[in-house]
């Protein structure tokens, strides 16, 4: 009985999304669902590239903006999302999936958050605003 109710509710929500001329997607209940599950590890890998000295944050942003056609690079995006928010998400995933290298900590992210550098909302993150 509950399953039938949930199916009806889900279909009602999909119809609402369609009525607003948006695109809904279906996925299982998984941490981050689709967008954040792909986006947050992408941003974290950008931080790791920078931490290793593979490229500057500016070059990584430029490469993803022009090379991948993204509207902004990962460091600008991190600053808009909020470094504290990204860290909070990663900390939760690391707790849920201990030992998964995808969710390993970033010393640089930890440092910036500890310094109160959260991005746009605090006036400084990877860039100054």
N, C-alpha and C. Protein backbone atom coordinates (compact mmCIF):
# COMPACT_ATOMS: atom_id res chain seq x y z
N UNK A 1 0.81 -1.19 0.00
CA UNK A 1 0.00 0.00 0.00
C UNK A 1 0.86 1.26 0.00
N UNK A 2 1.91 1.27 0.83
CA UNK A 2 2.82 2.42 0.86
C UNK A 2 3.52 2.58 -0.48
N UNK A 3 3.92 1.49 -1.08
CA UNK A 3 4.60 1.55 -2.38
C UNK A 3 3.71 2.19 -3.43
N UNK A 4 2.43 1.85 -3.45
CA UNK A 4 1.50 2.45 -4.41
C UNK A 4 1.37 3.95 -4.16
N UNK A 5 1.31 4.33 -2.88
CA UNK A 5 1.21 5.75 -2.54
C UNK A 5 2.46 6.50 -2.99
N UNK A 6 3.63 5.94 -2.73
CA UNK A 6 4.88 6.59 -3.13
C UNK A 6 5.00 6.69 -4.65
N UNK A 7 4.55 5.68 -5.36
CA UNK A 7 4.56 5.73 -6.81
C UNK A 7 3.66 6.84 -7.32
N UNK A 8 2.48 6.96 -6.73
CA UNK A 8 1.55 8.03 -7.11
C UNK A 8 2.17 9.39 -6.81
N UNK A 9 2.76 9.54 -5.65
CA UNK A 9 3.40 10.79 -5.27
C UNK A 9 4.54 11.13 -6.24
N UNK A 10 5.36 10.16 -6.54
CA UNK A 10 6.49 10.38 -7.46
C UNK A 10 5.98 10.81 -8.84
N UNK A 11 4.98 10.14 -9.34
CA UNK A 11 4.42 10.50 -10.65
C UNK A 11 3.79 11.89 -10.63
N UNK A 12 3.17 12.26 -9.51
CA UNK A 12 2.60 13.61 -9.37
C UNK A 12 3.71 14.65 -9.41
N UNK A 13 4.81 14.37 -8.73
CA UNK A 13 5.94 15.30 -8.73
C UNK A 13 6.56 15.42 -10.12
N UNK A 14 6.69 14.31 -10.83
CA UNK A 14 7.21 14.37 -12.20
C UNK A 14 6.29 15.19 -13.11
N UNK A 15 4.98 15.05 -12.93
CA UNK A 15 4.02 15.83 -13.71
C UNK A 15 4.16 17.31 -13.39
N UNK A 16 4.38 17.64 -12.11
CA UNK A 16 4.60 19.03 -11.72
C UNK A 16 5.85 19.59 -12.40
N UNK A 17 6.94 18.83 -12.38
CA UNK A 17 8.18 19.27 -13.02
C UNK A 17 7.94 19.52 -14.51
N UNK A 18 7.25 18.60 -15.16
CA UNK A 18 6.92 18.77 -16.58
C UNK A 18 6.08 20.03 -16.80
N UNK A 19 5.13 20.29 -15.92
CA UNK A 19 4.26 21.46 -16.05
C UNK A 19 5.03 22.76 -15.92
N UNK A 20 6.15 22.74 -15.22
CA UNK A 20 6.98 23.93 -15.07
C UNK A 20 8.00 24.05 -16.19
N UNK A 21 7.89 23.14 -17.16
CA UNK A 21 8.77 23.10 -18.33
C UNK A 21 10.24 22.89 -17.94
N UNK A 22 10.43 22.10 -16.90
CA UNK A 22 11.77 21.71 -16.46
C UNK A 22 11.96 20.24 -16.81
N UNK A 23 13.17 19.76 -16.62
CA UNK A 23 13.47 18.36 -16.92
C UNK A 23 13.77 17.62 -15.62
N UNK A 24 12.92 16.69 -15.28
CA UNK A 24 13.14 15.86 -14.11
C UNK A 24 13.89 14.60 -14.49
N UNK A 25 14.60 14.04 -13.54
CA UNK A 25 15.30 12.78 -13.77
C UNK A 25 14.96 11.81 -12.64
N UNK A 26 15.10 10.55 -12.92
CA UNK A 26 14.87 9.50 -11.93
C UNK A 26 16.21 8.91 -11.53
N UNK A 27 16.38 8.66 -10.25
CA UNK A 27 17.56 7.94 -9.78
C UNK A 27 17.25 7.31 -8.43
N UNK A 28 18.03 6.36 -8.06
CA UNK A 28 17.87 5.73 -6.75
C UNK A 28 18.30 6.70 -5.67
N UNK A 29 17.89 6.42 -4.45
CA UNK A 29 18.29 7.23 -3.30
C UNK A 29 19.75 6.93 -3.00
N UNK A 30 20.62 7.82 -3.46
CA UNK A 30 22.06 7.65 -3.29
C UNK A 30 22.65 8.98 -2.87
N UNK A 31 23.69 8.99 -2.04
CA UNK A 31 24.25 10.26 -1.59
C UNK A 31 24.60 11.20 -2.75
N UNK A 32 24.03 12.38 -2.72
CA UNK A 32 24.28 13.37 -3.76
C UNK A 32 23.41 13.20 -4.98
N UNK A 33 22.63 12.14 -5.01
CA UNK A 33 21.80 11.81 -6.17
C UNK A 33 22.67 11.84 -7.43
N UNK A 34 22.34 12.57 -8.46
CA UNK A 34 23.14 12.54 -9.69
C UNK A 34 24.11 13.72 -9.75
N UNK A 35 23.58 14.93 -9.65
CA UNK A 35 24.41 16.12 -9.89
C UNK A 35 25.53 16.25 -8.87
N UNK A 36 25.20 16.28 -7.60
CA UNK A 36 26.25 16.47 -6.59
C UNK A 36 27.20 15.29 -6.51
N UNK A 37 26.70 14.11 -6.80
CA UNK A 37 27.57 12.92 -6.75
C UNK A 37 28.66 13.00 -7.82
N UNK A 38 28.37 13.66 -8.94
CA UNK A 38 29.38 13.88 -9.98
C UNK A 38 30.14 15.18 -9.75
N UNK A 39 29.44 16.22 -9.35
CA UNK A 39 30.02 17.55 -9.27
C UNK A 39 31.03 17.71 -8.13
N UNK A 40 30.70 17.25 -6.94
CA UNK A 40 31.59 17.46 -5.80
C UNK A 40 32.92 16.71 -5.98
N UNK A 41 32.94 15.44 -6.39
CA UNK A 41 34.23 14.80 -6.64
C UNK A 41 35.03 15.49 -7.78
N UNK A 42 34.34 16.03 -8.78
CA UNK A 42 35.01 16.80 -9.84
C UNK A 42 35.72 18.01 -9.24
N UNK A 43 35.03 18.75 -8.39
CA UNK A 43 35.65 19.92 -7.76
C UNK A 43 36.80 19.51 -6.85
N UNK A 44 36.63 18.40 -6.14
CA UNK A 44 37.70 17.93 -5.26
C UNK A 44 38.94 17.50 -6.06
N UNK A 45 38.74 16.89 -7.19
CA UNK A 45 39.88 16.49 -8.02
C UNK A 45 40.62 17.72 -8.54
N UNK A 46 39.90 18.80 -8.82
CA UNK A 46 40.55 20.05 -9.21
C UNK A 46 41.44 20.56 -8.08
N UNK A 47 40.93 20.49 -6.85
CA UNK A 47 41.74 20.91 -5.70
C UNK A 47 42.99 20.04 -5.60
N UNK A 48 42.84 18.74 -5.80
CA UNK A 48 43.99 17.83 -5.69
C UNK A 48 45.04 18.12 -6.78
N UNK A 49 44.59 18.43 -7.99
CA UNK A 49 45.53 18.83 -9.06
C UNK A 49 46.34 20.04 -8.62
N UNK A 50 45.64 21.01 -8.05
CA UNK A 50 46.29 22.23 -7.58
C UNK A 50 47.22 21.94 -6.40
N UNK A 51 46.78 21.12 -5.46
CA UNK A 51 47.61 20.77 -4.30
C UNK A 51 48.90 20.09 -4.72
N UNK A 52 48.83 19.25 -5.74
CA UNK A 52 50.03 18.55 -6.23
C UNK A 52 50.94 19.46 -7.05
N UNK A 53 50.45 20.63 -7.42
CA UNK A 53 51.24 21.54 -8.24
C UNK A 53 51.19 21.21 -9.71
N UNK A 54 50.20 20.43 -10.13
CA UNK A 54 50.08 20.06 -11.54
C UNK A 54 49.72 21.25 -12.42
N UNK A 55 48.96 22.19 -11.88
CA UNK A 55 48.55 23.39 -12.62
C UNK A 55 48.07 24.43 -11.62
N UNK A 56 48.06 25.68 -12.04
CA UNK A 56 47.53 26.74 -11.18
C UNK A 56 46.00 26.66 -11.18
N UNK A 57 45.40 27.25 -10.16
CA UNK A 57 43.93 27.26 -10.12
C UNK A 57 43.38 28.02 -11.31
N UNK A 58 44.06 29.08 -11.72
CA UNK A 58 43.61 29.86 -12.87
C UNK A 58 43.66 29.03 -14.16
N UNK A 59 44.73 28.27 -14.32
CA UNK A 59 44.85 27.43 -15.52
C UNK A 59 43.84 26.29 -15.52
N UNK A 60 43.57 25.72 -14.36
CA UNK A 60 42.57 24.66 -14.27
C UNK A 60 41.19 25.23 -14.62
N UNK A 61 40.87 26.41 -14.07
CA UNK A 61 39.60 27.05 -14.40
C UNK A 61 39.49 27.34 -15.89
N UNK A 62 40.55 27.89 -16.47
CA UNK A 62 40.54 28.22 -17.90
C UNK A 62 40.39 26.96 -18.75
N UNK A 63 41.12 25.91 -18.38
CA UNK A 63 41.06 24.65 -19.14
C UNK A 63 39.65 24.07 -19.14
N UNK A 64 38.98 24.08 -18.00
CA UNK A 64 37.63 23.52 -17.94
C UNK A 64 36.60 24.43 -18.59
N UNK A 65 36.82 25.73 -18.50
CA UNK A 65 35.88 26.66 -19.12
C UNK A 65 35.94 26.56 -20.64
N UNK A 66 37.12 26.62 -21.18
CA UNK A 66 37.24 26.62 -22.64
C UNK A 66 37.42 25.23 -23.24
N UNK A 67 38.09 24.34 -22.51
CA UNK A 67 38.32 22.99 -23.03
C UNK A 67 37.11 22.09 -22.91
N UNK A 68 36.34 22.27 -21.85
CA UNK A 68 35.16 21.42 -21.64
C UNK A 68 33.86 22.16 -21.91
N UNK A 69 33.96 23.46 -22.14
CA UNK A 69 32.76 24.24 -22.42
C UNK A 69 31.91 24.53 -21.20
N UNK A 70 32.48 24.42 -20.01
CA UNK A 70 31.73 24.72 -18.79
C UNK A 70 31.61 26.23 -18.63
N UNK A 71 30.53 26.71 -18.03
CA UNK A 71 30.37 28.16 -17.88
C UNK A 71 31.38 28.79 -16.92
N UNK A 72 31.95 28.00 -16.03
CA UNK A 72 32.98 28.48 -15.11
C UNK A 72 33.86 27.31 -14.71
N UNK A 73 35.05 27.61 -14.26
CA UNK A 73 35.96 26.57 -13.81
C UNK A 73 35.61 26.08 -12.42
N UNK A 74 36.25 24.98 -11.97
CA UNK A 74 35.90 24.39 -10.69
C UNK A 74 36.21 25.26 -9.48
N UNK A 75 37.25 26.10 -9.54
CA UNK A 75 37.56 26.93 -8.38
C UNK A 75 36.58 28.08 -8.22
N UNK A 76 36.15 28.67 -9.32
CA UNK A 76 35.09 29.68 -9.26
C UNK A 76 33.81 29.02 -8.74
N UNK A 77 33.50 27.84 -9.24
CA UNK A 77 32.31 27.13 -8.80
C UNK A 77 32.39 26.79 -7.31
N UNK A 78 33.53 26.32 -6.86
CA UNK A 78 33.72 26.04 -5.43
C UNK A 78 33.44 27.28 -4.59
N UNK A 79 33.95 28.43 -5.05
CA UNK A 79 33.72 29.66 -4.31
C UNK A 79 32.25 30.04 -4.28
N UNK A 80 31.51 29.76 -5.33
CA UNK A 80 30.07 30.05 -5.34
C UNK A 80 29.28 29.05 -4.50
N UNK A 81 29.64 27.79 -4.58
CA UNK A 81 28.96 26.76 -3.77
C UNK A 81 29.22 27.01 -2.29
N UNK A 82 30.45 27.36 -1.98
CA UNK A 82 30.89 27.57 -0.60
C UNK A 82 31.85 26.46 -0.21
N UNK A 83 33.05 26.85 0.19
CA UNK A 83 34.05 25.85 0.56
C UNK A 83 33.60 25.07 1.79
N UNK A 84 32.91 25.74 2.70
CA UNK A 84 32.39 25.07 3.89
C UNK A 84 31.32 24.04 3.51
N UNK A 85 30.50 24.38 2.53
CA UNK A 85 29.46 23.46 2.07
C UNK A 85 30.08 22.24 1.42
N UNK A 86 31.07 22.47 0.58
CA UNK A 86 31.76 21.35 -0.08
C UNK A 86 32.43 20.44 0.95
N UNK A 87 33.10 21.04 1.92
CA UNK A 87 33.75 20.25 2.98
C UNK A 87 32.72 19.46 3.77
N UNK A 88 31.59 20.09 4.09
CA UNK A 88 30.53 19.40 4.84
C UNK A 88 30.03 18.18 4.07
N UNK A 89 29.82 18.33 2.78
CA UNK A 89 29.37 17.21 1.94
C UNK A 89 30.41 16.10 1.94
N UNK A 90 31.67 16.47 1.71
CA UNK A 90 32.73 15.47 1.66
C UNK A 90 32.92 14.77 3.00
N UNK A 91 32.83 15.51 4.09
CA UNK A 91 32.96 14.89 5.42
C UNK A 91 31.86 13.85 5.64
N UNK A 92 30.64 14.16 5.20
CA UNK A 92 29.53 13.22 5.35
C UNK A 92 29.73 11.97 4.50
N UNK A 93 30.16 12.16 3.28
CA UNK A 93 30.40 11.01 2.40
C UNK A 93 31.56 10.16 2.92
N UNK A 94 32.62 10.81 3.44
CA UNK A 94 33.76 10.07 3.96
C UNK A 94 33.33 9.23 5.16
N UNK A 95 32.43 9.78 5.98
CA UNK A 95 31.93 9.03 7.13
C UNK A 95 31.09 7.84 6.67
N UNK A 96 30.28 8.05 5.64
CA UNK A 96 29.41 6.98 5.14
C UNK A 96 30.20 5.91 4.38
N UNK A 97 31.27 6.35 3.69
CA UNK A 97 32.09 5.44 2.87
C UNK A 97 33.56 5.52 3.28
N UNK A 98 33.87 5.07 4.51
CA UNK A 98 35.27 5.18 4.97
C UNK A 98 36.21 4.36 4.08
N UNK A 99 37.34 4.93 3.80
CA UNK A 99 38.33 4.23 2.99
C UNK A 99 38.17 4.42 1.50
N UNK A 100 37.08 5.02 1.05
CA UNK A 100 36.90 5.26 -0.38
C UNK A 100 37.79 6.43 -0.77
N UNK A 101 38.78 6.22 -1.65
CA UNK A 101 39.71 7.30 -2.00
C UNK A 101 39.05 8.49 -2.69
N UNK A 102 37.87 8.30 -3.25
CA UNK A 102 37.16 9.39 -3.89
C UNK A 102 36.80 10.48 -2.88
N UNK A 103 36.66 10.10 -1.62
CA UNK A 103 36.20 11.03 -0.59
C UNK A 103 37.30 11.43 0.39
N UNK A 104 38.56 11.25 0.00
CA UNK A 104 39.64 11.59 0.93
C UNK A 104 39.71 13.11 1.16
N UNK A 105 40.26 13.46 2.30
CA UNK A 105 40.32 14.86 2.70
C UNK A 105 41.29 15.66 1.84
N UNK A 106 41.08 16.96 1.82
CA UNK A 106 41.98 17.90 1.16
C UNK A 106 42.56 18.82 2.22
N UNK A 107 43.87 18.76 2.45
CA UNK A 107 44.48 19.66 3.43
C UNK A 107 44.22 21.14 3.10
N UNK A 108 44.25 21.50 1.83
CA UNK A 108 44.02 22.89 1.45
C UNK A 108 42.59 23.32 1.74
N UNK A 109 41.63 22.48 1.40
CA UNK A 109 40.23 22.81 1.68
C UNK A 109 40.01 22.95 3.19
N UNK A 110 40.56 22.03 3.96
CA UNK A 110 40.44 22.10 5.41
C UNK A 110 41.03 23.40 5.95
N UNK A 111 42.18 23.80 5.43
CA UNK A 111 42.86 25.03 5.86
C UNK A 111 42.02 26.26 5.55
N UNK A 112 41.54 26.36 4.33
CA UNK A 112 40.74 27.53 3.94
C UNK A 112 39.48 27.65 4.78
N UNK A 113 38.80 26.54 5.01
CA UNK A 113 37.57 26.56 5.82
C UNK A 113 37.89 26.95 7.26
N UNK A 114 38.98 26.40 7.81
CA UNK A 114 39.38 26.75 9.18
C UNK A 114 39.70 28.24 9.32
N UNK A 115 40.17 28.85 8.24
CA UNK A 115 40.49 30.28 8.23
C UNK A 115 39.26 31.14 7.95
N UNK A 116 38.09 30.52 7.76
CA UNK A 116 36.87 31.27 7.49
C UNK A 116 36.76 31.75 6.06
N UNK A 117 37.55 31.18 5.18
CA UNK A 117 37.52 31.53 3.76
C UNK A 117 36.58 30.56 3.05
N UNK A 118 35.32 30.97 2.95
CA UNK A 118 34.27 30.11 2.43
C UNK A 118 33.94 30.37 0.96
N UNK A 119 34.54 31.39 0.37
CA UNK A 119 34.24 31.73 -1.01
C UNK A 119 33.52 33.06 -1.09
N UNK A 120 32.63 33.18 -2.05
CA UNK A 120 31.92 34.44 -2.31
C UNK A 120 31.25 34.98 -1.05
N UNK A 121 30.59 34.11 -0.28
CA UNK A 121 29.81 34.58 0.87
C UNK A 121 30.67 35.19 1.98
N UNK A 122 31.96 34.87 2.02
CA UNK A 122 32.84 35.46 3.03
C UNK A 122 33.80 36.48 2.42
N UNK A 123 33.76 36.61 1.11
CA UNK A 123 34.63 37.57 0.43
C UNK A 123 35.94 36.99 -0.05
N UNK A 124 36.24 35.78 0.38
CA UNK A 124 37.47 35.12 -0.08
C UNK A 124 37.33 33.61 0.04
N UNK A 125 37.85 32.93 -0.94
CA UNK A 125 37.94 31.47 -0.95
C UNK A 125 39.20 31.15 -1.72
N UNK A 126 39.04 30.55 -2.88
CA UNK A 126 40.19 30.37 -3.76
C UNK A 126 40.55 31.70 -4.44
N UNK A 127 39.56 32.57 -4.57
CA UNK A 127 39.77 33.91 -5.12
C UNK A 127 39.23 34.92 -4.12
N UNK A 128 39.60 36.19 -4.30
CA UNK A 128 39.08 37.28 -3.46
C UNK A 128 37.93 37.95 -4.20
N UNK A 129 36.89 38.32 -3.42
CA UNK A 129 35.70 38.95 -3.98
C UNK A 129 35.45 40.29 -3.31
